[in-house]
Amino acid sequence: MDALTPEGWILAVIAAAAIGLAKGGLALVAVIAVPVLSLVMSPVQAAGLLLPVYIVSDLGGLLVYRRHVDWSVLNSALPGAVAGVGIGWATAHLVPVWGVTLIVGLIGLVFALNALRPRPAPAERAVSRSRGNSWGVLAGYTSFVSHSGGPPWQVYAQPLRLPSLIFAGTTTWFFAVVNWIKLVPYAALGQLSAQNLTIAAVLMPVALVSVWAGLALVRVIPQALFYRLITWGLLLVSIRLVWQGLAERGVAG
């Protein structure tokens, strides 16, 4: 990829801060990271550049939640997630840039519209390999394409009614494992170049500082209001990406 422009650096810092805020307790904020950075580069480049930032940010979570994990839940969803990552790699490898941009925009659009509508709490369910792998495929796919596997994962995990620490720890372990798995296909796509890794290294302190900012914000900002603002921001960015993908398709066609 070419060197980042000043605008690109600003958006990259915003994306890294979003990742850190998410690790600090504002979990849904990270969903804007790839869409925001995709405004100035291809979504595959954006996701590849941010992947090392995610992995470094995961390390603190793994340390904190090393004893708070339900392995049966992980075992029920990780095989499907691996398949989803494979499908995501095939998408990035075979689909043109405009198509991936459109997919990322549509994923963000669906998530934002779903998050903005009121809905009842899901009914309680037991651990299920069939459901876990089904939602795991979608979580792995959306995680690969735009690092936004959280919504499909939560559809599966929330009805399990895990204790809060176990839920947080199992979620942290799930995405940490998925992120490590993603290193192989992203390397194959050429997105772990020396230049990308250098930019990611510059962004890592931003993410780590933002973890502490997230911890502080959780205590003072009503989360419902904060998430609503983030969701509206994601909606606007996603609409822009859908338009961008369709416009690029018209030029390519």
Protein backbone atom coordinates (compact mmCIF):
# COMPACT_ATOMS: atom_id res chain seq x y z
CA MET A 1 0.00 0.00 0.00
CA ASP A 2 1.04 3.62 -0.48
CA ALA A 3 2.13 5.74 2.49
CA LEU A 4 -0.74 7.11 4.51
CA THR A 5 -1.87 10.64 3.77
CA PRO A 6 -2.50 13.05 6.68
CA GLU A 7 -6.22 12.21 6.35
CA GLY A 8 -5.34 8.52 6.40
CA TRP A 9 -3.31 8.91 9.59
CA ILE A 10 -6.18 10.73 11.29
CA LEU A 11 -8.61 7.95 10.39
CA ALA A 12 -6.06 5.28 11.39
CA VAL A 13 -5.68 6.88 14.82
CA ILE A 14 -9.47 7.00 15.19
CA ALA A 15 -9.66 3.30 14.24
CA ALA A 16 -6.92 2.34 16.72
CA ALA A 17 -8.61 4.38 19.45
CA ALA A 18 -11.89 2.59 18.73
CA ILE A 19 -10.15 -0.76 19.18
CA GLY A 20 -8.68 0.34 22.51
CA LEU A 21 -11.98 1.76 23.76
CA ALA A 22 -13.62 -1.57 22.96
CA LYS A 23 -11.01 -3.50 24.95
CA GLY A 24 -11.54 -1.02 27.79
CA GLY A 25 -15.20 -1.94 28.17
CA LEU A 26 -17.04 -0.14 25.36
CA ALA A 27 -17.28 -3.37 23.40
CA LEU A 28 -19.25 -2.29 20.33
CA VAL A 29 -17.03 0.69 19.46
CA ALA A 30 -14.50 -1.43 17.54
CA VAL A 31 -17.11 -2.17 14.87
CA ILE A 32 -16.40 1.27 13.32
CA ALA A 33 -12.63 0.73 12.98
CA VAL A 34 -12.43 -0.97 9.56
CA PRO A 35 -15.32 0.99 7.97
CA VAL A 36 -13.72 4.30 9.00
CA LEU A 37 -10.29 3.35 7.64
CA SER A 38 -11.91 1.93 4.49
CA LEU A 39 -12.82 5.48 3.52
CA VAL A 40 -9.19 6.00 2.43
CA MET A 41 -8.03 2.48 1.44
CA SER A 42 -9.45 -0.90 0.46
CA PRO A 43 -11.22 -2.77 3.28
CA VAL A 44 -8.74 -5.65 2.95
CA GLN A 45 -5.83 -3.25 3.48
CA ALA A 46 -7.62 -1.62 6.38
CA ALA A 47 -8.38 -4.92 8.09
CA GLY A 48 -4.86 -6.24 7.48
CA LEU A 49 -3.26 -3.10 8.86
CA LEU A 50 -5.40 -3.18 12.00
CA LEU A 51 -5.07 -6.92 12.68
CA PRO A 52 -1.75 -6.61 14.63
CA VAL A 53 -3.34 -3.82 16.69
CA TYR A 54 -6.20 -6.16 17.60
CA ILE A 55 -3.80 -8.96 18.50
CA VAL A 56 -1.68 -6.79 20.80
CA SER A 57 -4.85 -5.39 22.41
CA ASP A 58 -6.09 -8.96 22.95
CA LEU A 59 -3.08 -9.86 25.09
CA GLY A 60 -4.23 -7.75 28.03
CA GLY A 61 -7.70 -9.31 27.85
CA LEU A 62 -6.26 -12.82 27.81
CA LEU A 63 -4.22 -12.02 30.90
CA VAL A 64 -7.21 -10.60 32.75
CA TYR A 65 -9.59 -13.41 31.76
CA ARG A 66 -7.15 -16.34 31.78
CA ARG A 67 -9.31 -18.17 34.33
CA HIS A 68 -12.72 -16.93 33.17
CA VAL A 69 -13.60 -18.98 30.09
CA ASP A 70 -16.14 -21.65 29.20
CA TRP A 71 -14.27 -24.08 26.96
CA SER A 72 -17.44 -25.92 25.95
CA VAL A 73 -18.79 -22.72 24.40
CA LEU A 74 -15.53 -22.11 22.55
CA ASN A 75 -15.43 -25.69 21.28
CA SER A 76 -18.98 -25.32 19.97
CA ALA A 77 -18.22 -22.21 17.89
CA LEU A 78 -14.54 -22.17 16.88
CA PRO A 79 -14.74 -24.84 14.12
CA GLY A 80 -17.41 -22.78 12.38
CA ALA A 81 -15.37 -19.61 12.91
CA VAL A 82 -12.36 -21.21 11.18
CA ALA A 83 -14.61 -22.03 8.22
CA GLY A 84 -15.91 -18.45 8.23
CA VAL A 85 -12.36 -17.10 8.14
CA GLY A 86 -11.70 -19.34 5.14
CA ILE A 87 -14.77 -17.99 3.34
CA GLY A 88 -13.64 -14.46 4.21
CA TRP A 89 -10.22 -15.15 2.72
CA ALA A 90 -11.86 -16.46 -0.47
CA THR A 91 -13.98 -13.30 -0.63
CA ALA A 92 -10.96 -11.03 -0.26
CA HIS A 93 -8.99 -13.10 -2.78
CA LEU A 94 -11.65 -13.45 -5.47
CA VAL A 95 -13.96 -10.43 -5.11
CA PRO A 96 -12.82 -7.08 -6.57
CA VAL A 97 -12.12 -4.16 -4.27
CA TRP A 98 -15.46 -2.49 -4.99
CA GLY A 99 -17.24 -5.71 -4.02
CA VAL A 100 -15.43 -5.99 -0.70
CA THR A 101 -16.12 -2.30 -0.02
CA LEU A 102 -19.80 -2.94 -0.71
CA ILE A 103 -19.82 -6.01 1.58
CA VAL A 104 -18.20 -4.09 4.44
CA GLY A 105 -20.70 -1.26 3.98
CA LEU A 106 -23.64 -3.68 3.97
CA ILE A 107 -22.36 -5.49 7.08
CA GLY A 108 -22.10 -2.16 8.91
CA LEU A 109 -25.49 -1.07 7.62
CA VAL A 110 -27.23 -4.26 8.78
CA PHE A 111 -25.55 -4.07 12.17
CA ALA A 112 -26.42 -0.39 12.69
CA LEU A 113 -30.07 -0.79 11.66
CA ASN A 114 -30.42 -3.88 13.85
CA ALA A 115 -28.82 -2.11 16.82
CA LEU A 116 -31.13 0.89 16.48
CA ARG A 117 -34.37 -1.10 16.61
CA PRO A 118 -35.88 -2.10 19.97
CA ARG A 119 -36.06 -5.85 20.60
CA PRO A 120 -36.83 -8.14 23.54
CA ALA A 121 -34.14 -10.09 25.40
CA PRO A 122 -33.38 -13.45 23.74
CA ALA A 123 -34.75 -16.63 25.29
CA GLU A 124 -32.30 -18.75 27.27
CA ARG A 125 -30.62 -21.58 25.34
CA ALA A 126 -28.11 -24.33 26.04
CA VAL A 127 -24.72 -24.78 24.39
CA SER A 128 -25.25 -26.29 20.93
CA ARG A 129 -22.64 -27.34 18.39
CA SER A 130 -25.02 -26.82 15.48
CA ARG A 131 -26.01 -23.29 16.55
CA GLY A 132 -22.50 -22.49 17.70
CA ASN A 133 -20.91 -23.49 14.42
CA SER A 134 -23.64 -21.77 12.37
CA TRP A 135 -23.16 -18.44 14.14
CA GLY A 136 -19.42 -19.15 14.34
CA VAL A 137 -19.21 -19.22 10.54
CA LEU A 138 -20.87 -15.81 10.33
CA ALA A 139 -18.75 -14.42 13.18
CA GLY A 140 -15.56 -15.72 11.54
CA TYR A 141 -16.57 -14.32 8.15
CA THR A 142 -17.52 -10.84 9.39
CA SER A 143 -14.47 -10.82 11.65
CA PHE A 144 -12.20 -11.53 8.68
CA VAL A 145 -13.82 -9.05 6.31
CA SER A 146 -14.26 -6.14 8.71
CA HIS A 147 -13.23 -7.22 12.25
CA SER A 148 -16.91 -7.03 13.19
CA GLY A 149 -17.70 -10.55 14.34
CA GLY A 150 -19.20 -9.36 17.63
CA PRO A 151 -22.89 -9.20 16.62
CA PRO A 152 -23.13 -12.80 15.27
CA TRP A 153 -21.16 -14.06 18.27
CA GLN A 154 -23.50 -12.30 20.68
CA VAL A 155 -26.57 -13.77 18.98
CA TYR A 156 -25.20 -17.19 19.93
CA ALA A 157 -23.52 -16.41 23.26
CA GLN A 158 -25.98 -14.07 24.98
CA PRO A 159 -28.84 -16.62 25.28
CA LEU A 160 -26.43 -19.01 27.05
CA ARG A 161 -26.78 -16.77 30.15
CA LEU A 162 -23.14 -17.15 31.15
CA PRO A 163 -21.99 -15.31 34.30
CA SER A 164 -20.71 -11.85 33.31
CA LEU A 165 -17.00 -12.61 33.86
CA ILE A 166 -17.28 -15.93 32.01
CA PHE A 167 -19.14 -14.25 29.14
CA ALA A 168 -16.52 -11.49 28.85
CA GLY A 169 -13.65 -13.97 29.14
CA THR A 170 -15.08 -16.46 26.66
CA THR A 171 -15.72 -13.64 24.18
CA THR A 172 -12.15 -12.37 24.63
CA TRP A 173 -10.69 -15.83 24.07
CA PHE A 174 -12.91 -16.51 21.06
CA PHE A 175 -11.81 -13.42 19.16
CA ALA A 176 -8.19 -13.71 20.28
CA VAL A 177 -8.04 -17.20 18.75
CA VAL A 178 -9.86 -16.03 15.60
CA ASN A 179 -7.46 -13.09 15.23
CA TRP A 180 -4.42 -15.37 15.45
CA ILE A 181 -5.96 -17.68 12.84
CA LYS A 182 -6.50 -14.67 10.55
CA LEU A 183 -2.75 -13.97 10.46
CA VAL A 184 -2.17 -16.79 7.95
CA PRO A 185 -4.66 -15.71 5.26
CA TYR A 186 -3.84 -12.02 5.70
CA ALA A 187 -0.15 -12.83 5.23
CA ALA A 188 -1.11 -14.78 2.10
CA LEU A 189 -2.96 -11.69 0.85
CA GLY A 190 0.21 -9.61 1.34
CA GLN A 191 -1.30 -7.43 4.04
CA LEU A 192 1.37 -8.05 6.69
CA SER A 193 4.06 -6.17 4.80
CA ALA A 194 6.86 -4.32 6.59
CA GLN A 195 5.11 -1.02 5.87
CA ASN A 196 1.78 -2.19 7.29
CA LEU A 197 3.47 -3.63 10.37
CA THR A 198 5.35 -0.35 10.90
CA ILE A 199 2.13 1.65 10.74
CA ALA A 200 0.45 -0.85 13.08
CA ALA A 201 3.34 -0.48 15.53
CA VAL A 202 2.79 3.29 15.58
CA LEU A 203 -0.92 2.75 16.24
CA MET A 204 -0.48 0.22 19.06
CA PRO A 205 0.27 2.83 21.77
CA VAL A 206 -2.88 4.69 20.71
CA ALA A 207 -4.93 1.55 21.22
CA LEU A 208 -3.30 0.77 24.57
CA VAL A 209 -3.87 4.30 25.91
CA SER A 210 -7.45 4.10 24.67
CA VAL A 211 -7.99 0.95 26.74
CA TRP A 212 -7.54 3.08 29.87
CA ALA A 213 -9.71 5.82 28.35
CA GLY A 214 -12.42 3.21 27.79
CA LEU A 215 -12.21 2.11 31.42
CA ALA A 216 -12.66 5.72 32.50
CA LEU A 217 -15.49 6.48 30.07
CA VAL A 218 -17.43 3.40 31.16
CA ARG A 219 -17.71 4.97 34.61
CA VAL A 220 -18.92 8.43 33.54
CA ILE A 221 -20.81 8.16 30.23
CA PRO A 222 -24.20 6.45 29.96
CA GLN A 223 -23.39 3.47 27.75
CA ALA A 224 -26.78 3.48 26.04
CA LEU A 225 -26.23 7.05 24.81
CA PHE A 226 -22.63 6.39 23.83
CA TYR A 227 -23.50 3.27 21.84
CA ARG A 228 -26.35 5.07 20.10
CA LEU A 229 -23.97 7.82 18.94
CA ILE A 230 -21.45 5.22 17.75
CA THR A 231 -24.21 3.30 15.95
CA TRP A 232 -25.41 6.40 14.12
CA GLY A 233 -21.81 7.12 13.14
CA LEU A 234 -21.44 3.57 11.82
CA LEU A 235 -24.69 3.95 9.89
CA LEU A 236 -23.44 7.09 8.13
CA VAL A 237 -20.02 5.60 7.35
CA SER A 238 -21.65 2.38 6.06
CA ILE A 239 -23.97 4.32 3.74
CA ARG A 240 -20.89 6.12 2.41
CA LEU A 241 -19.11 2.80 1.81
CA VAL A 242 -22.13 1.29 0.03
CA TRP A 243 -22.26 4.34 -2.23
CA GLN A 244 -18.46 4.16 -2.74
CA GLY A 245 -18.62 0.46 -3.66
CA LEU A 246 -21.44 1.02 -6.15
CA ALA A 247 -19.65 4.02 -7.66
CA GLU A 248 -16.40 2.02 -8.05
CA ARG A 249 -18.39 -0.81 -9.64
CA GLY A 250 -19.78 1.67 -12.18
CA VAL A 251 -16.28 2.89 -13.03
CA ALA A 252 -14.94 -0.67 -13.23
CA GLY A 253 -17.88 -1.77 -15.37
